[in-house]
Amino acid sequence: METLVNAGYGVDVICLRHKGQKGKETIDGVNIYRMSVEHKRLGLLRYLTEYSAFFVLATLKLWSGHLRKRYAVIEVNNMPDILVFTTLFPKMLGARVILYVFDPMPEYLAFKHRLRSNHPAINIVRWCERASAAYADQVIVTANSVKRMLESRGTRGSKISIVLNVPDEGIFCPDASFKDVREDGNFRVMTHGSILQNYGIQTIIKAVPILIGRIPKLEVLIVGEGEYLDELRTLAHDLAIEDYVKFTGYIPHEKIPSMISQADVGVVSVLNDPMLPTKLFEYLAMAKPVVIADQPAMKEYFDSSSMAFYQPDNEHDLARCILELHGNPQKRAVLAERAKEAYEKYRWSTMKDEYLRVFEKST
């Protein structure tokens, strides 16, 4: 949002409200309006209730705001895709609409609920995605693979732009100064972000018993919160590895860079995801070596010279990669340096130009 402000746009954000947050405030020139719907990730019924409540409240807020300010462009971030229809009234009065697809809903829900790709429920979600993309004036996706996916479902390629979801370079950078220097001698493996089943953190936990005997001072740091957290805690308890695995729960975003700076290795363990996770770029921006699940989307942008790939959902192969990096500090340094070099062309300083072009095309 700061990119838009710096480019001269006036920016309003309508979003969920978390406990303790103000309903309205202005941060760095961005007006934030938080709807009184708290996101709890407690199952399908809760999802539907949250989405419905937010849809209604966001629609009313957006419409009233448009009457006062006459928005030129409205960006809607999924999930769900149908949130784009909250813009109906402003669009009828001339506003242009951008749909930003951070997660492809059909694939996400099919994996989450173990449904086949042609299941009636997934077909409905796929139809909603297609209708939402058709309604929007422009569509932004975060990987080449997702663009191809939307094109295969009928969305015109000419209206789709690719903007990788890379971090703020002012916060995530290897030259940032952190006072808390580690002196415990532990080998720290870290992953962070939303705790969801399809992010494969369970693979990391299953790898810990394999690593304990080989890395006596192993420390696995799992940062974040989400609907799969209780299952992961139970798994760590059942494997009797609670002394090696630390769950931090929610951590403010601005504190994540300091935690990354103290890690030896970052792990990206997605099981089935055509997207490029933001955490990947945050590790790269912080010049940390990465162990990552071998997914096609990852291989489009990076190769084995810049990060260590392992077979998805295979704790033994993940353990192999971690052990290799633990025993070879030079390789860790080389991977970090080569990944940083590969990352140069994807930095936000480059991506923001593509992002702003989407808005320029819409005004």
Protein backbone atom coordinates (compact mmCIF):
# COMPACT_ATOMS: atom_id res chain seq x y z
CA MET A 1 0.00 0.00 0.00
CA GLU A 2 2.91 2.34 0.70
CA THR A 3 3.92 1.88 -2.94
CA LEU A 4 0.59 3.34 -4.04
CA VAL A 5 0.84 6.20 -1.55
CA ASN A 6 4.35 7.02 -2.74
CA ALA A 7 3.07 7.01 -6.33
CA GLY A 8 0.51 9.67 -5.43
CA TYR A 9 -2.60 7.57 -4.86
CA GLY A 10 -4.95 8.09 -1.95
CA VAL A 11 -5.43 4.64 -0.38
CA ASP A 12 -8.21 3.19 1.77
CA VAL A 13 -8.04 -0.40 3.05
CA ILE A 14 -11.07 -2.41 4.16
CA CYS A 15 -10.07 -5.53 6.08
CA LEU A 16 -10.80 -7.86 8.98
CA ARG A 17 -10.44 -6.66 12.54
CA HIS A 18 -8.35 -8.63 15.02
CA LYS A 19 -8.75 -8.46 18.76
CA GLY A 20 -7.30 -5.28 20.20
CA GLN A 21 -7.17 -3.43 16.88
CA LYS A 22 -8.88 -0.11 16.23
CA GLY A 23 -11.83 0.03 13.90
CA LYS A 24 -10.26 2.93 12.01
CA GLU A 25 -6.77 4.39 11.88
CA THR A 26 -4.29 5.90 9.44
CA ILE A 27 -0.84 4.34 9.10
CA ASP A 28 1.83 5.81 6.80
CA GLY A 29 -0.82 7.65 4.80
CA VAL A 30 -3.08 4.60 4.40
CA ASN A 31 -6.62 4.85 5.81
CA ILE A 32 -7.53 1.50 7.38
CA TYR A 33 -11.14 0.51 8.05
CA ARG A 34 -11.45 -2.75 9.97
CA MET A 35 -14.70 -4.67 9.88
CA SER A 36 -15.80 -6.33 13.13
CA VAL A 37 -15.31 -9.87 11.85
CA GLU A 38 -12.56 -11.94 13.45
CA HIS A 39 -10.90 -14.66 11.37
CA LYS A 40 -10.59 -17.85 13.46
CA ARG A 41 -10.14 -20.72 10.95
CA LEU A 42 -12.49 -23.06 12.80
CA GLY A 43 -13.97 -25.13 9.99
CA LEU A 44 -16.21 -24.83 6.95
CA LEU A 45 -19.24 -23.38 8.74
CA ARG A 46 -17.08 -20.73 10.39
CA TYR A 47 -15.49 -19.90 7.03
CA LEU A 48 -18.89 -19.41 5.42
CA THR A 49 -20.08 -17.27 8.30
CA GLU A 50 -16.95 -15.12 8.24
CA TYR A 51 -16.99 -14.70 4.48
CA SER A 52 -20.69 -13.82 4.40
CA ALA A 53 -20.42 -11.30 7.24
CA PHE A 54 -17.33 -9.67 5.78
CA PHE A 55 -18.88 -9.59 2.30
CA VAL A 56 -21.90 -7.66 3.56
CA LEU A 57 -19.93 -5.27 5.79
CA ALA A 58 -17.24 -4.63 3.17
CA THR A 59 -19.90 -4.00 0.50
CA LEU A 60 -21.65 -1.40 2.65
CA LYS A 61 -18.39 0.28 3.63
CA LEU A 62 -17.12 0.30 0.06
CA TRP A 63 -20.33 1.70 -1.31
CA SER A 64 -20.54 4.48 1.29
CA GLY A 65 -16.88 5.30 0.75
CA HIS A 66 -17.39 5.50 -3.00
CA LEU A 67 -20.23 7.98 -2.60
CA ARG A 68 -17.88 10.24 -0.64
CA LYS A 69 -14.60 9.72 -2.50
CA ARG A 70 -15.43 8.26 -5.92
CA TYR A 71 -12.74 5.57 -6.05
CA ALA A 72 -10.96 5.31 -9.40
CA VAL A 73 -9.56 1.81 -8.82
CA ILE A 74 -10.51 -0.90 -6.32
CA GLU A 75 -8.19 -3.82 -5.64
CA VAL A 76 -9.76 -6.95 -4.13
CA ASN A 77 -7.54 -9.66 -2.64
CA ASN A 78 -8.77 -13.24 -2.57
CA MET A 79 -9.73 -15.55 -0.77
CA PRO A 80 -12.58 -15.88 -1.60
CA ASP A 81 -12.64 -14.76 -5.22
CA ILE A 82 -16.27 -13.64 -5.02
CA LEU A 83 -15.27 -10.75 -2.75
CA VAL A 84 -14.68 -8.97 -6.04
CA PHE A 85 -18.46 -8.53 -6.33
CA THR A 86 -18.47 -6.20 -3.32
CA THR A 87 -17.45 -3.58 -5.90
CA LEU A 88 -20.63 -3.83 -7.99
CA PHE A 89 -22.01 -0.38 -7.15
CA PRO A 90 -18.71 1.53 -7.59
CA LYS A 91 -18.00 -0.41 -10.80
CA MET A 92 -21.39 0.60 -12.19
CA LEU A 93 -20.41 4.21 -11.49
CA GLY A 94 -17.10 3.90 -13.33
CA ALA A 95 -14.56 2.47 -10.90
CA ARG A 96 -12.13 -0.06 -12.32
CA VAL A 97 -11.64 -3.35 -10.46
CA ILE A 98 -8.46 -5.39 -9.92
CA LEU A 99 -8.63 -8.96 -8.59
CA TYR A 100 -5.40 -9.98 -6.83
CA VAL A 101 -5.19 -13.79 -6.66
CA PHE A 102 -2.88 -14.81 -3.83
CA ASP A 103 -4.20 -18.39 -3.65
CA PRO A 104 -6.07 -20.37 -6.34
CA MET A 105 -9.17 -21.45 -4.42
CA PRO A 106 -10.04 -24.65 -6.37
CA GLU A 107 -6.63 -26.19 -5.72
CA TYR A 108 -6.49 -24.98 -2.13
CA LEU A 109 -9.90 -26.37 -1.19
CA ALA A 110 -9.42 -29.63 -3.09
CA PHE A 111 -6.22 -30.31 -1.17
CA LYS A 112 -7.55 -29.12 2.17
CA HIS A 113 -10.70 -31.25 2.03
CA ARG A 114 -9.19 -34.17 0.07
CA LEU A 115 -11.61 -33.72 -2.83
CA ARG A 116 -11.00 -34.83 -6.40
CA SER A 117 -10.51 -32.06 -8.96
CA ASN A 118 -13.88 -32.76 -10.63
CA HIS A 119 -15.85 -32.89 -7.38
CA PRO A 120 -19.10 -30.84 -7.66
CA ALA A 121 -18.00 -28.49 -4.88
CA ILE A 122 -14.67 -27.81 -6.60
CA ASN A 123 -16.46 -27.26 -9.91
CA ILE A 124 -18.60 -24.61 -8.23
CA VAL A 125 -15.53 -22.90 -6.75
CA ARG A 126 -13.83 -23.06 -10.15
CA TRP A 127 -16.89 -21.44 -11.76
CA CYS A 128 -16.81 -18.68 -9.11
CA GLU A 129 -13.14 -18.10 -9.86
CA ARG A 130 -13.82 -17.85 -13.59
CA ALA A 131 -16.76 -15.49 -13.05
CA SER A 132 -14.75 -13.31 -10.67
CA ALA A 133 -11.84 -13.03 -13.09
CA ALA A 134 -14.21 -12.22 -15.96
CA TYR A 135 -15.88 -9.49 -13.88
CA ALA A 136 -12.58 -7.84 -12.92
CA ASP A 137 -10.94 -5.38 -15.30
CA GLN A 138 -7.45 -6.63 -14.43
CA VAL A 139 -6.15 -9.72 -12.62
CA ILE A 140 -2.86 -9.99 -10.73
CA VAL A 141 -1.29 -13.36 -9.90
CA THR A 142 1.91 -14.22 -8.05
CA ALA A 143 3.44 -16.90 -10.29
CA ASN A 144 3.64 -17.99 -13.93
CA SER A 145 1.95 -21.27 -13.06
CA VAL A 146 -1.16 -19.49 -11.77
CA LYS A 147 -1.41 -17.37 -14.89
CA ARG A 148 -1.38 -20.51 -17.02
CA MET A 149 -3.98 -22.05 -14.72
CA LEU A 150 -6.38 -19.11 -15.09
CA GLU A 151 -5.83 -18.98 -18.84
CA SER A 152 -6.71 -22.67 -19.11
CA ARG A 153 -10.01 -21.88 -17.38
CA GLY A 154 -10.97 -19.12 -19.77
CA THR A 155 -9.42 -15.91 -18.44
CA ARG A 156 -7.78 -13.82 -21.16
CA GLY A 157 -4.03 -13.73 -20.75
CA SER A 158 -3.96 -10.05 -21.75
CA LYS A 159 -5.75 -9.05 -18.55
CA ILE A 160 -3.44 -11.07 -16.24
CA SER A 161 -0.26 -9.55 -14.79
CA ILE A 162 2.36 -11.38 -12.72
CA VAL A 163 3.59 -9.61 -9.60
CA LEU A 164 5.63 -11.85 -7.30
CA ASN A 165 4.70 -11.50 -3.65
CA VAL A 166 8.11 -10.33 -2.45
CA PRO A 167 8.83 -8.56 0.85
CA ASP A 168 9.45 -4.96 1.80
CA GLU A 169 13.16 -4.38 1.22
CA GLY A 170 13.25 -1.77 3.96
CA ILE A 171 12.42 -4.43 6.55
CA PHE A 172 13.77 -7.68 5.09
CA CYS A 173 17.41 -7.14 4.23
CA PRO A 174 20.68 -8.84 5.24
CA ASP A 175 22.22 -5.51 6.26
CA ALA A 176 19.55 -4.80 8.88
CA SER A 177 21.04 -4.25 12.32
CA PHE A 178 19.84 -6.57 15.09
CA LYS A 179 21.21 -6.37 18.61
CA ASP A 180 20.28 -9.86 19.77
CA VAL A 181 23.27 -11.91 18.59
CA ARG A 182 22.94 -15.63 19.24
CA GLU A 183 25.57 -17.25 21.39
CA ASP A 184 23.85 -20.51 22.34
CA GLY A 185 25.58 -22.64 19.70
CA ASN A 186 22.28 -24.17 18.58
CA PHE A 187 21.58 -25.03 14.96
CA ARG A 188 18.29 -23.27 14.31
CA VAL A 189 15.90 -24.40 11.57
CA MET A 190 13.01 -22.01 11.01
CA THR A 191 9.72 -21.80 9.19
CA HIS A 192 7.09 -19.09 9.58
CA GLY A 193 3.73 -17.86 8.36
CA SER A 194 0.20 -19.24 8.56
CA ILE A 195 0.02 -22.71 10.11
CA LEU A 196 -2.01 -24.65 7.54
CA GLN A 197 -1.96 -28.31 6.60
CA ASN A 198 -0.97 -27.73 2.98
CA TYR A 199 2.12 -25.78 4.10
CA GLY A 200 3.63 -29.11 5.14
CA ILE A 201 5.08 -28.12 8.51
CA GLN A 202 4.24 -31.62 9.71
CA THR A 203 7.04 -32.86 7.43
CA ILE A 204 9.52 -30.71 9.34
CA ILE A 205 8.32 -32.09 12.67
CA LYS A 206 8.53 -35.68 11.41
CA ALA A 207 12.12 -35.02 10.35
CA VAL A 208 13.18 -33.98 13.86
CA PRO A 209 13.58 -37.53 15.32
CA ILE A 210 15.85 -38.35 12.38
CA LEU A 211 17.97 -35.28 13.08
CA ILE A 212 18.26 -35.35 16.86
CA GLY A 213 21.05 -37.93 17.04
CA ARG A 214 23.02 -36.16 14.32
CA ILE A 215 22.48 -32.56 15.45
CA PRO A 216 22.54 -32.57 19.27
CA LYS A 217 21.87 -28.82 19.54
CA LEU A 218 19.03 -28.80 17.03
CA GLU A 219 16.33 -26.17 17.49
CA VAL A 220 13.26 -26.04 15.25
CA LEU A 221 11.38 -22.74 15.36
CA ILE A 222 7.81 -22.66 14.04
CA VAL A 223 6.53 -19.10 13.91
CA GLY A 224 2.89 -18.22 13.36
CA GLU A 225 -0.65 -19.27 14.08
CA GLY A 226 -3.40 -21.07 12.18
CA GLU A 227 -5.96 -23.83 12.14
CA TYR A 228 -3.39 -26.65 12.00
CA LEU A 229 -1.38 -25.54 15.03
CA ASP A 230 -3.04 -27.89 17.54
CA GLU A 231 -2.39 -30.90 15.30
CA LEU A 232 1.28 -29.95 15.02
CA ARG A 233 1.62 -29.55 18.79
CA THR A 234 0.04 -32.98 19.24
CA LEU A 235 2.40 -34.50 16.67
CA ALA A 236 5.45 -33.02 18.44
CA HIS A 237 4.16 -34.41 21.75
CA ASP A 238 3.52 -37.87 20.31
CA LEU A 239 7.04 -37.95 18.85
CA ALA A 240 8.50 -36.81 22.21
CA ILE A 241 10.42 -33.96 20.57
CA GLU A 242 8.94 -31.00 22.44
CA ASP A 243 12.38 -30.06 23.77
CA TYR A 244 13.55 -29.47 20.20
CA VAL A 245 10.50 -27.77 18.65
CA LYS A 246 9.33 -24.32 19.68
CA PHE A 247 5.94 -22.94 18.62
CA THR A 248 5.89 -19.16 19.02
CA GLY A 249 2.26 -18.49 18.09
CA TYR A 250 1.45 -15.11 16.59
CA ILE A 251 4.43 -12.79 16.09
CA PRO A 252 4.01 -9.23 14.70
CA HIS A 253 5.25 -9.00 11.13
CA GLU A 254 7.86 -6.38 11.95
CA LYS A 255 9.59 -8.80 14.34
CA ILE A 256 9.99 -11.60 11.78
CA PRO A 257 13.19 -10.23 10.17
CA SER A 258 15.01 -10.32 13.49
CA MET A 259 13.97 -13.95 13.97
CA ILE A 260 15.11 -14.88 10.47
CA SER A 261 18.45 -13.21 11.11
CA GLN A 262 18.98 -15.62 14.01
CA ALA A 263 18.17 -18.76 11.97
CA ASP A 264 20.71 -20.98 10.24
CA VAL A 265 18.32 -22.42 7.66
CA GLY A 266 14.85 -21.49 6.44
CA VAL A 267 12.47 -24.28 5.36
CA VAL A 268 9.62 -23.94 2.84
CA SER A 269 7.71 -27.21 3.07
CA VAL A 270 4.58 -26.75 0.95
CA LEU A 271 2.82 -29.97 -0.03
CA ASN A 272 0.73 -28.83 -2.96
CA ASP A 273 0.94 -25.19 -3.89
CA PRO A 274 1.31 -23.56 -7.33
CA MET A 275 2.22 -20.29 -5.63
CA LEU A 276 5.60 -18.97 -4.55
CA PRO A 277 5.31 -18.52 -0.76
CA THR A 278 6.22 -15.11 0.59
CA LYS A 279 8.39 -16.71 3.26
CA LEU A 280 10.71 -17.99 0.52
CA PHE A 281 11.50 -14.48 -0.64
CA GLU A 282 11.84 -13.27 2.94
CA TYR A 283 14.57 -15.85 3.57
CA LEU A 284 16.29 -14.91 0.33
CA ALA A 285 16.09 -11.20 1.11
CA MET A 286 17.73 -11.94 4.47
CA ALA A 287 20.48 -13.97 2.74
CA LYS A 288 19.55 -17.23 4.47
CA PRO A 289 20.03 -20.67 2.86
CA VAL A 290 16.72 -22.35 2.01
CA VAL A 291 15.59 -25.97 2.04
CA ILE A 292 12.47 -26.21 -0.09
CA ALA A 293 9.96 -28.78 -1.32
CA ASP A 294 10.57 -29.66 -4.96
CA GLN A 295 7.44 -28.15 -6.53
CA PRO A 296 7.20 -27.17 -10.21
CA ALA A 297 6.43 -23.53 -9.39
CA MET A 298 9.67 -23.25 -7.42
CA LYS A 299 11.78 -24.74 -10.21
CA GLU A 300 10.51 -22.11 -12.65
CA TYR A 301 12.35 -19.44 -10.71
CA PHE A 302 15.19 -21.19 -8.85
CA ASP A 303 17.40 -24.24 -9.32
CA SER A 304 19.56 -26.48 -7.14
CA SER A 305 22.48 -24.08 -7.33
CA SER A 306 20.58 -21.57 -5.20
CA MET A 307 18.63 -23.75 -2.76
CA ALA A 308 18.38 -27.32 -1.49
CA PHE A 309 15.38 -29.21 -2.88
CA TYR A 310 13.78 -32.23 -1.23
CA GLN A 311 10.88 -34.50 -2.17
CA PRO A 312 7.60 -33.02 -0.85
CA ASP A 313 6.08 -34.78 2.17
CA ASN A 314 9.25 -36.84 2.64
CA GLU A 315 10.78 -36.25 6.07
CA HIS A 316 13.77 -38.47 5.31
CA ASP A 317 14.74 -36.43 2.26
CA LEU A 318 14.17 -33.20 4.18
CA ALA A 319 16.40 -34.49 6.99
CA ARG A 320 19.06 -35.35 4.40
CA CYS A 321 19.13 -31.76 3.16
CA ILE A 322 19.26 -30.27 6.65
CA LEU A 323 22.05 -32.63 7.70
CA GLU A 324 24.06 -31.73 4.61
CA LEU A 325 23.76 -28.01 5.33
CA HIS A 326 24.51 -28.49 9.02
CA GLY A 327 27.74 -30.29 8.22
CA ASN A 328 28.81 -27.89 5.50
CA PRO A 329 28.77 -24.20 6.53
CA GLN A 330 30.48 -23.29 3.26
CA LYS A 331 27.62 -24.76 1.26
CA ARG A 332 25.15 -22.78 3.36
CA ALA A 333 27.03 -19.61 2.50
CA VAL A 334 27.22 -20.48 -1.21
CA LEU A 335 23.50 -21.29 -1.43
CA ALA A 336 22.61 -18.05 0.33
CA GLU A 337 24.81 -16.01 -1.98
CA ARG A 338 23.56 -17.64 -5.19
CA ALA A 339 19.94 -17.39 -4.07
CA LYS A 340 20.47 -13.71 -3.35
CA GLU A 341 21.88 -13.24 -6.85
CA ALA A 342 18.90 -15.06 -8.40
CA TYR A 343 16.53 -13.01 -6.27
CA GLU A 344 17.85 -9.69 -7.57
CA LYS A 345 15.52 -9.61 -10.57
CA TYR A 346 12.47 -10.30 -8.41
CA ARG A 347 13.02 -7.61 -5.78
CA TRP A 348 10.16 -5.27 -4.96
CA SER A 349 12.09 -2.41 -6.53
CA THR A 350 11.41 -4.23 -9.82
CA MET A 351 8.05 -5.81 -9.01
CA LYS A 352 6.51 -2.53 -7.88
CA ASP A 353 6.85 -1.11 -11.40
CA GLU A 354 4.75 -3.98 -12.76
CA TYR A 355 2.28 -3.52 -9.90
CA LEU A 356 1.90 0.20 -10.62
CA ARG A 357 1.47 -0.49 -14.36
CA VAL A 358 -1.66 -2.48 -13.53
CA PHE A 359 -3.09 0.59 -11.81
CA GLU A 360 -1.99 2.87 -14.62
CA LYS A 361 -3.83 0.64 -17.11
CA SER A 362 -6.92 0.89 -14.92
CA THR A 363 -7.07 4.67 -14.62
